[in-house]
Protein backbone atom coordinates (compact mmCIF):
# COMPACT_ATOMS: atom_id res chain seq x y z
CA MET A 1 -23.60 37.66 -7.64
CA THR A 2 -21.43 37.84 -4.51
CA TRP A 3 -18.62 40.36 -4.09
CA ILE A 4 -15.78 39.11 -1.91
CA PRO A 5 -12.99 41.45 -0.77
CA VAL A 6 -9.66 40.41 -2.21
CA ARG A 7 -8.08 40.61 1.24
CA ASN A 8 -10.56 37.95 2.42
CA LEU A 9 -9.71 35.71 -0.52
CA TRP A 10 -6.12 36.15 0.65
CA LEU A 11 -7.23 34.96 4.10
CA LEU A 12 -8.78 31.84 2.54
CA GLN A 13 -5.61 31.29 0.53
CA LEU A 14 -3.60 31.57 3.75
CA PHE A 15 -5.81 29.01 5.49
CA ALA A 16 -5.51 26.68 2.47
CA SER A 17 -1.74 27.03 2.20
CA ASP A 18 1.00 24.62 3.19
CA LEU A 19 2.54 27.49 5.15
CA TYR A 20 -0.49 27.80 7.44
CA ARG A 21 -0.92 24.06 7.93
CA THR A 22 2.71 23.53 8.94
CA ALA A 23 3.54 26.75 10.82
CA GLY A 24 1.65 25.66 13.95
CA THR A 25 1.78 28.13 16.83
CA GLN A 26 3.81 30.58 14.74
CA LEU A 27 0.58 31.56 12.97
CA SER A 28 -1.96 30.88 15.70
CA GLY A 29 -3.93 34.02 16.49
CA ILE A 30 -2.80 35.86 13.35
CA GLU A 31 -6.41 36.30 12.27
CA SER A 32 -6.89 39.07 14.83
CA LEU A 33 -3.84 41.09 13.76
CA PRO A 34 -4.66 44.50 12.20
CA GLU A 35 -2.96 43.76 8.89
CA ASN A 36 -3.67 41.89 5.70
CA VAL A 37 -2.33 38.53 4.65
CA ALA A 38 0.09 39.97 2.09
CA GLN A 39 1.74 42.05 4.83
CA LEU A 40 2.03 39.07 7.13
CA VAL A 41 3.38 36.63 4.55
CA SER A 42 5.80 39.16 3.04
CA ARG A 43 7.25 39.70 6.52
CA MET A 44 7.60 35.94 7.03
CA LEU A 45 9.27 35.66 3.61
CA ALA A 46 11.63 38.55 4.33
CA ASP A 47 12.59 37.01 7.69
CA ALA A 48 13.25 33.63 6.07
CA VAL A 49 15.28 35.07 3.17
CA THR A 50 17.33 37.23 5.55
CA ASP A 51 18.15 34.15 7.60
CA ARG A 52 19.09 32.08 4.54
CA LEU A 53 21.34 34.84 3.18
CA ARG A 54 23.08 34.98 6.54
CA THR A 55 23.57 31.21 6.85
CA GLY A 56 24.09 30.60 3.14
CA LEU A 57 21.68 30.11 0.27
CA THR A 58 21.11 26.56 -0.88
CA VAL A 59 22.99 26.24 -4.15
CA GLY A 60 22.98 23.85 -7.10
CA PHE A 61 25.87 21.89 -8.54
CA ARG A 62 26.91 21.44 -12.14
CA ARG A 63 29.81 19.66 -13.82
CA ARG A 64 32.27 21.97 -15.57
CA THR A 65 35.47 21.49 -17.56
CA ASP A 66 37.97 24.36 -17.81
CA ASP A 67 41.67 25.10 -18.31
CA LEU A 68 43.01 26.38 -14.99
CA GLY A 69 46.26 27.59 -13.52
CA ARG A 70 45.84 25.22 -10.56
CA VAL A 71 44.38 21.77 -10.07
CA ARG A 72 40.70 21.64 -9.22
CA GLY A 73 38.69 18.45 -9.15
CA LYS A 74 39.84 15.76 -11.58
CA ILE A 75 42.63 16.35 -14.11
CA ASP A 76 41.80 15.59 -17.74
CA LEU A 77 45.20 14.15 -18.69
CA LEU A 78 44.33 13.52 -22.33
CA GLY A 79 42.95 17.03 -22.86
CA THR A 80 45.89 18.60 -21.06
CA GLU A 81 48.42 16.72 -23.20
CA ARG A 82 46.56 17.14 -26.49
CA HIS A 83 46.40 20.91 -26.17
CA ARG A 84 49.89 21.19 -24.62
CA LEU A 85 48.48 23.15 -21.71
CA LEU A 86 51.37 22.48 -19.37
CA GLU A 87 53.61 24.55 -21.62
CA ARG A 88 51.35 27.51 -20.79
CA GLY A 89 51.21 26.70 -17.10
CA LYS A 90 47.69 25.34 -17.21
CA VAL A 91 45.92 22.04 -16.68
CA ARG A 92 42.49 20.89 -17.91
CA CYS A 93 40.23 19.99 -14.99
CA THR A 94 36.72 18.65 -14.58
CA PHE A 95 35.04 19.75 -11.36
CA ASP A 96 31.71 20.44 -9.69
CA GLU A 97 30.75 24.11 -9.51
CA THR A 98 28.14 25.64 -7.23
CA TYR A 99 25.66 28.19 -8.48
CA PRO A 100 22.79 30.02 -6.74
CA ASP A 101 20.54 30.45 -9.80
CA THR A 102 18.37 27.41 -9.02
CA PRO A 103 14.59 27.13 -9.69
CA PRO A 104 13.73 27.40 -5.95
CA ASN A 105 15.84 30.54 -5.53
CA ARG A 106 14.35 32.01 -8.71
CA LEU A 107 10.86 31.50 -7.29
CA VAL A 108 11.88 33.21 -4.06
CA ARG A 109 13.20 36.21 -5.97
CA ALA A 110 10.00 36.33 -8.05
CA ALA A 111 7.95 36.33 -4.83
CA LEU A 112 10.06 39.13 -3.36
CA GLU A 113 9.65 41.16 -6.56
CA ARG A 114 5.89 40.68 -6.46
CA ALA A 115 5.67 41.52 -2.76
CA SER A 116 7.60 44.74 -3.38
CA ARG A 117 4.82 45.85 -5.77
CA LEU A 118 1.92 45.10 -3.42
CA PRO A 119 0.80 47.96 -1.15
CA GLY A 120 1.74 47.75 2.51
CA THR A 121 4.08 44.76 2.27
CA ASP A 122 7.43 44.48 4.04
CA ARG A 123 9.86 47.11 2.76
CA ARG A 124 12.78 44.68 2.95
CA CYS A 125 11.43 42.69 0.00
CA ARG A 126 12.79 45.04 -2.66
CA ASN A 127 16.24 45.12 -1.10
CA LEU A 128 16.34 41.33 -0.66
CA ALA A 129 15.28 40.83 -4.28
CA GLY A 130 18.21 43.06 -5.26
CA GLN A 131 20.60 40.98 -3.16
CA LEU A 132 19.49 37.80 -4.90
CA ALA A 133 19.84 39.51 -8.28
CA ALA A 134 23.38 40.57 -7.38
CA ARG A 135 24.20 36.91 -6.73
CA GLY A 136 22.98 35.97 -10.17
CA VAL A 137 19.53 34.67 -9.26
CA GLN A 138 17.00 35.32 -12.04
CA ASN A 139 13.43 36.57 -11.57
CA ASP A 140 11.51 33.55 -12.85
CA ASP A 141 8.33 31.95 -11.53
CA SER A 142 7.95 29.36 -14.31
CA ALA A 143 8.57 26.49 -11.88
CA LEU A 144 5.72 27.52 -9.56
CA ALA A 145 3.69 24.41 -10.39
CA GLU A 146 6.61 22.26 -9.26
CA MET A 147 7.21 24.07 -5.97
CA ARG A 148 5.37 21.51 -3.83
CA HIS A 149 7.88 18.90 -5.00
CA PHE A 150 10.73 21.01 -3.65
CA TYR A 151 9.45 20.69 -0.06
CA GLY A 152 10.45 17.05 0.26
CA GLN A 153 13.96 17.40 -1.13
CA ARG A 154 16.44 16.83 1.67
CA HIS A 155 18.93 19.49 0.58
CA LEU A 156 16.12 22.08 0.64
CA ALA A 157 14.97 21.28 4.19
CA SER A 158 16.25 24.61 5.54
CA ASP A 159 14.42 26.46 2.75
CA ARG A 160 11.00 24.91 3.32
CA GLN A 161 9.29 27.79 5.14
CA MET A 162 10.86 30.32 2.77
CA LEU A 163 9.53 28.36 -0.22
CA MET A 164 6.04 27.99 1.28
CA ALA A 165 5.83 31.73 1.96
CA ALA A 166 7.08 32.46 -1.58
CA ARG A 167 4.52 30.11 -3.08
CA LEU A 168 1.65 31.73 -1.20
CA LEU A 169 2.72 35.24 -2.26
CA LEU A 170 2.95 34.16 -5.89
CA GLU A 171 -0.50 32.58 -5.77
CA LEU A 172 -2.37 35.43 -4.07
CA VAL A 173 -5.30 36.60 -6.16
CA LEU A 174 -4.78 40.12 -7.51
CA PRO A 175 -7.76 42.48 -7.63
CA ASP A 176 -9.46 43.04 -10.96
CA PRO A 177 -8.77 46.69 -11.90
CA SER A 178 -12.41 47.10 -12.86
CA SER A 179 -13.62 45.96 -9.45
CA ASP A 180 -10.93 47.60 -7.34
CA GLU A 181 -10.51 45.55 -4.18
CA PHE A 182 -13.28 43.01 -4.73
CA VAL A 183 -13.67 39.79 -6.66
CA ALA A 184 -17.09 38.91 -8.02
CA SER A 185 -18.28 35.34 -7.95
CA ASN A 186 -21.53 33.57 -8.63
CA PRO A 187 -21.54 30.70 -6.13
CA ASP A 188 -24.47 28.96 -7.80
CA LYS A 189 -22.36 28.53 -10.93
CA SER A 190 -19.94 26.53 -8.80
CA ASP A 191 -16.70 28.30 -9.65
CA ARG A 192 -14.29 25.36 -9.42
CA TYR A 193 -11.34 27.32 -8.05
CA LEU A 194 -13.35 29.05 -5.34
CA ARG A 195 -15.15 25.83 -4.43
CA GLN A 196 -11.85 24.02 -3.93
CA LEU A 197 -10.31 27.01 -2.15
CA PHE A 198 -13.19 27.19 0.33
CA GLU A 199 -12.87 23.46 1.07
CA LYS A 200 -9.08 23.59 1.50
CA ALA A 201 -9.28 26.76 3.59
CA THR A 202 -11.85 25.15 5.89
CA TYR A 203 -9.62 22.12 6.32
CA GLY A 204 -6.50 24.23 6.91
CA PHE A 205 -8.24 26.45 9.43
CA TYR A 206 -9.60 23.61 11.55
CA LEU A 207 -6.30 21.71 11.37
CA ASN A 208 -4.39 24.71 12.69
CA ALA A 209 -7.02 25.81 15.20
CA LEU A 210 -8.01 22.44 16.70
CA SER A 211 -5.04 20.08 16.54
CA ALA A 212 -3.34 21.47 19.64
CA SER A 213 -6.47 20.89 21.73
CA GLY A 214 -6.81 17.19 20.98
CA TRP A 215 -8.79 17.13 17.75
CA SER A 216 -7.87 15.04 14.75
CA VAL A 217 -8.67 16.66 11.40
CA LYS A 218 -8.80 14.53 8.24
CA HIS A 219 -9.30 15.69 4.69
CA GLY A 220 -10.93 13.63 1.96
CA ALA A 221 -11.66 10.52 4.05
CA ARG A 222 -13.68 7.78 2.34
CA LEU A 223 -16.68 6.06 3.92
CA LYS A 224 -17.82 2.53 3.15
CA TRP A 225 -21.39 1.41 2.65
CA PRO A 226 -22.37 -1.10 5.37
CA ALA A 227 -23.54 -3.59 2.75
CA ASP A 228 -24.40 -7.13 3.93
CA LEU A 229 -24.32 -8.49 0.40
CA LEU A 230 -23.17 -7.24 -2.98
CA SER A 231 -23.99 -8.88 -6.28
CA GLU A 232 -21.06 -9.81 -8.50
CA GLY A 233 -20.87 -6.54 -10.41
CA MET A 234 -22.22 -4.19 -7.75
CA GLY A 235 -18.84 -3.38 -6.27
CA LYS A 236 -17.74 -1.83 -9.55
CA ILE A 237 -20.75 0.45 -9.95
CA LEU A 238 -21.63 1.34 -6.35
CA PRO A 239 -20.86 5.06 -5.85
CA GLY A 240 -18.28 5.79 -3.21
CA MET A 241 -18.65 8.28 -0.38
CA GLN A 242 -15.79 10.74 0.04
CA THR A 243 -16.17 13.34 2.74
CA ASP A 244 -14.58 16.78 2.64
CA ILE A 245 -13.44 16.90 6.28
CA ILE A 246 -13.86 14.77 9.39
CA LEU A 247 -13.31 16.36 12.81
CA ARG A 248 -12.85 14.13 15.84
CA ASP A 249 -12.53 15.55 19.37
CA GLU A 250 -10.47 12.80 20.96
CA ALA A 251 -9.77 14.78 24.13
CA ARG A 252 -13.33 14.44 25.45
CA GLY A 253 -14.49 11.11 26.92
CA PRO A 254 -16.40 9.47 24.10
CA ASP A 255 -15.23 10.95 20.83
CA ARG A 256 -17.24 13.74 19.27
CA VAL A 257 -17.21 13.22 15.51
CA ILE A 258 -18.31 15.79 12.92
CA ILE A 259 -18.61 14.86 9.26
CA LEU A 260 -18.25 18.20 7.49
CA ASP A 261 -19.07 18.99 3.88
CA THR A 262 -18.41 22.34 2.24
CA LYS A 263 -20.33 23.82 -0.68
CA PHE A 264 -19.55 27.05 -2.48
CA THR A 265 -23.20 27.63 -3.33
CA SER A 266 -26.29 29.19 -1.83
CA ILE A 267 -27.40 27.07 1.11
CA SER A 268 -31.04 27.28 0.05
CA ALA A 269 -33.11 27.57 -3.11
CA ALA A 270 -36.56 28.94 -3.89
CA ASN A 271 -39.29 26.33 -4.36
CA GLN A 272 -42.18 26.59 -6.83
CA TRP A 273 -44.05 28.90 -4.46
CA GLY A 274 -41.09 31.26 -4.09
CA SER A 275 -40.15 30.43 -0.49
CA GLN A 276 -36.61 29.46 0.42
CA LYS A 277 -35.92 25.84 1.37
CA LEU A 278 -32.73 23.95 2.12
CA ARG A 279 -31.41 22.20 -0.94
CA SER A 280 -32.72 18.67 -0.47
CA GLY A 281 -29.76 17.02 -2.17
CA TYR A 282 -27.39 18.39 0.46
CA LEU A 283 -29.58 17.11 3.29
CA TYR A 284 -29.77 13.67 1.67
CA GLN A 285 -26.00 13.66 1.24
CA ILE A 286 -25.13 14.39 4.85
CA TYR A 287 -27.90 12.07 6.05
CA ALA A 288 -26.41 9.23 3.98
CA TYR A 289 -22.96 9.89 5.43
CA LEU A 290 -24.26 9.72 9.01
CA LEU A 291 -26.74 6.87 8.77
CA SER A 292 -24.43 4.66 6.73
CA GLN A 293 -21.91 4.86 9.60
CA HIS A 294 -24.49 4.50 12.39
CA GLU A 295 -23.13 1.08 13.42
CA ASN A 296 -19.50 1.91 12.66
CA PRO A 297 -17.65 2.20 16.02
CA HIS A 298 -15.35 4.87 14.54
CA TYR A 299 -18.36 7.15 14.04
CA GLY A 300 -21.23 5.73 16.09
CA PRO A 301 -24.89 6.54 16.61
CA HIS A 302 -24.31 10.16 17.66
CA SER A 303 -21.91 11.47 15.02
CA GLU A 304 -22.77 14.93 13.72
CA GLY A 305 -23.12 16.40 10.26
CA LEU A 306 -22.23 19.95 9.24
CA MET A 307 -22.88 21.58 5.88
CA LEU A 308 -20.83 24.76 5.62
CA HIS A 309 -21.56 27.38 2.94
CA PRO A 310 -20.57 30.99 2.26
CA VAL A 311 -23.24 33.61 2.89
CA VAL A 312 -25.08 34.30 -0.35
CA ASP A 313 -28.69 35.27 0.39
CA GLY A 314 -28.25 35.82 4.10
CA HIS A 315 -26.70 34.28 7.17
CA LEU A 316 -28.10 30.93 8.31
CA ASP A 317 -27.35 28.68 11.28
CA GLU A 318 -29.98 26.02 11.85
CA GLU A 319 -29.91 22.43 12.98
CA ALA A 320 -32.01 19.33 13.54
CA SER A 321 -31.56 16.01 15.31
CA ILE A 322 -32.54 13.12 13.04
CA GLN A 323 -32.37 9.57 14.41
CA GLY A 324 -29.92 10.70 17.06
CA HIS A 325 -27.64 12.59 14.68
CA ARG A 326 -27.23 16.34 14.92
CA ILE A 327 -27.27 17.92 11.45
CA ARG A 328 -26.33 21.55 11.18
CA PHE A 329 -26.43 24.01 8.28
CA ALA A 330 -24.25 27.08 8.78
CA THR A 331 -22.74 29.88 6.73
CA VAL A 332 -19.55 31.94 6.78
CA ASP A 333 -19.73 35.54 5.59
CA LEU A 334 -16.69 36.01 3.36
CA ARG A 335 -17.40 39.73 3.21
CA GLY A 336 -16.84 40.15 6.94
CA THR A 337 -13.74 41.01 8.95
CA TYR A 338 -10.97 38.52 9.62
CA ALA A 339 -12.23 38.18 13.20
CA SER A 340 -15.83 37.53 12.16
CA ILE A 341 -14.79 34.91 9.59
CA VAL A 342 -12.75 33.09 12.23
CA ASN A 343 -15.58 33.30 14.76
CA GLU A 344 -18.06 31.85 12.27
CA PHE A 345 -15.74 28.94 11.47
CA LEU A 346 -15.38 28.22 15.17
CA GLY A 347 -19.06 28.84 15.92
CA ALA A 348 -20.11 26.27 13.34
CA ILE A 349 -18.65 23.46 15.47
CA THR A 350 -19.86 24.58 18.89
CA PRO A 351 -21.47 21.72 20.83
CA ALA A 352 -25.27 21.50 20.94
CA GLY A 353 -26.70 23.76 23.64
CA SER A 354 -23.50 25.80 23.88
CA ASP A 355 -23.46 29.58 23.72
CA GLY A 356 -20.16 29.53 21.77
């Protein structure tokens, strides 16, 4: 059983978030700040909401029909005549009405309300939640699953960072009262959420950290088998190869390519004599990735493989060169400080023979 501090799960959630992947230099270097992720994101949310309140919240539109003392929108002549409204100085109109109580704004208020209950978060959150409430915005996070779809809507373009910060705050893992500030996990049982979170966090971290220095970072790229001949039905049953992450350093002469696979399990297992050995299946997997692309000019004969795991039974950083391909097994200690986690992510991709 591994105990991971909740604040470090928050760090992984930050790395995995849309906010981190799109914020660029705004979030570069944040890992060394002496504060937790909830503090940082609540401040970003408060800044974004303050700005949107100043420039005007994005509102929704709905069609409304009412009897008014002045013309607004389109006059309903039949309704006006039928109810003899003119005799009372009124006219029936159909018009578009704006309202702020939209699903995106409700999610933002829900995030502000949650942030106001977390220790150490930005003090403005409670006041801003009150301002939204005063404008008629409800506290409702029921549309959270749909939030990603809001990002691409043109009329919400100015709200995008506010919505991404709100989404991250609403998704932050809360500590189990029985375990205080830690979350227990058994990596060898392959907790699906944590496995996916570790993969997405690894991708998000490298995308943010490396893109500005000439690296391309791809997530979920598929590799093809270099088959010379396939029988008629083989194409339907041949297993595909889908990598977790591919890193390519395009700024250095010949490209340096790293095929990276993440596993949220122990990096080794005890054999029948009780000694620890690398899990053979993982070695075979990364070996197949590399050797199948040996003749592929996009990868080449010197592409590298990296298997990245969390620390379970102890830190490990070992490598071998097999048929010209560097294969490295490394771990990240999720119980460490923000700075140490970042350093271990970066250290895992240091060139061969480098001191870091």
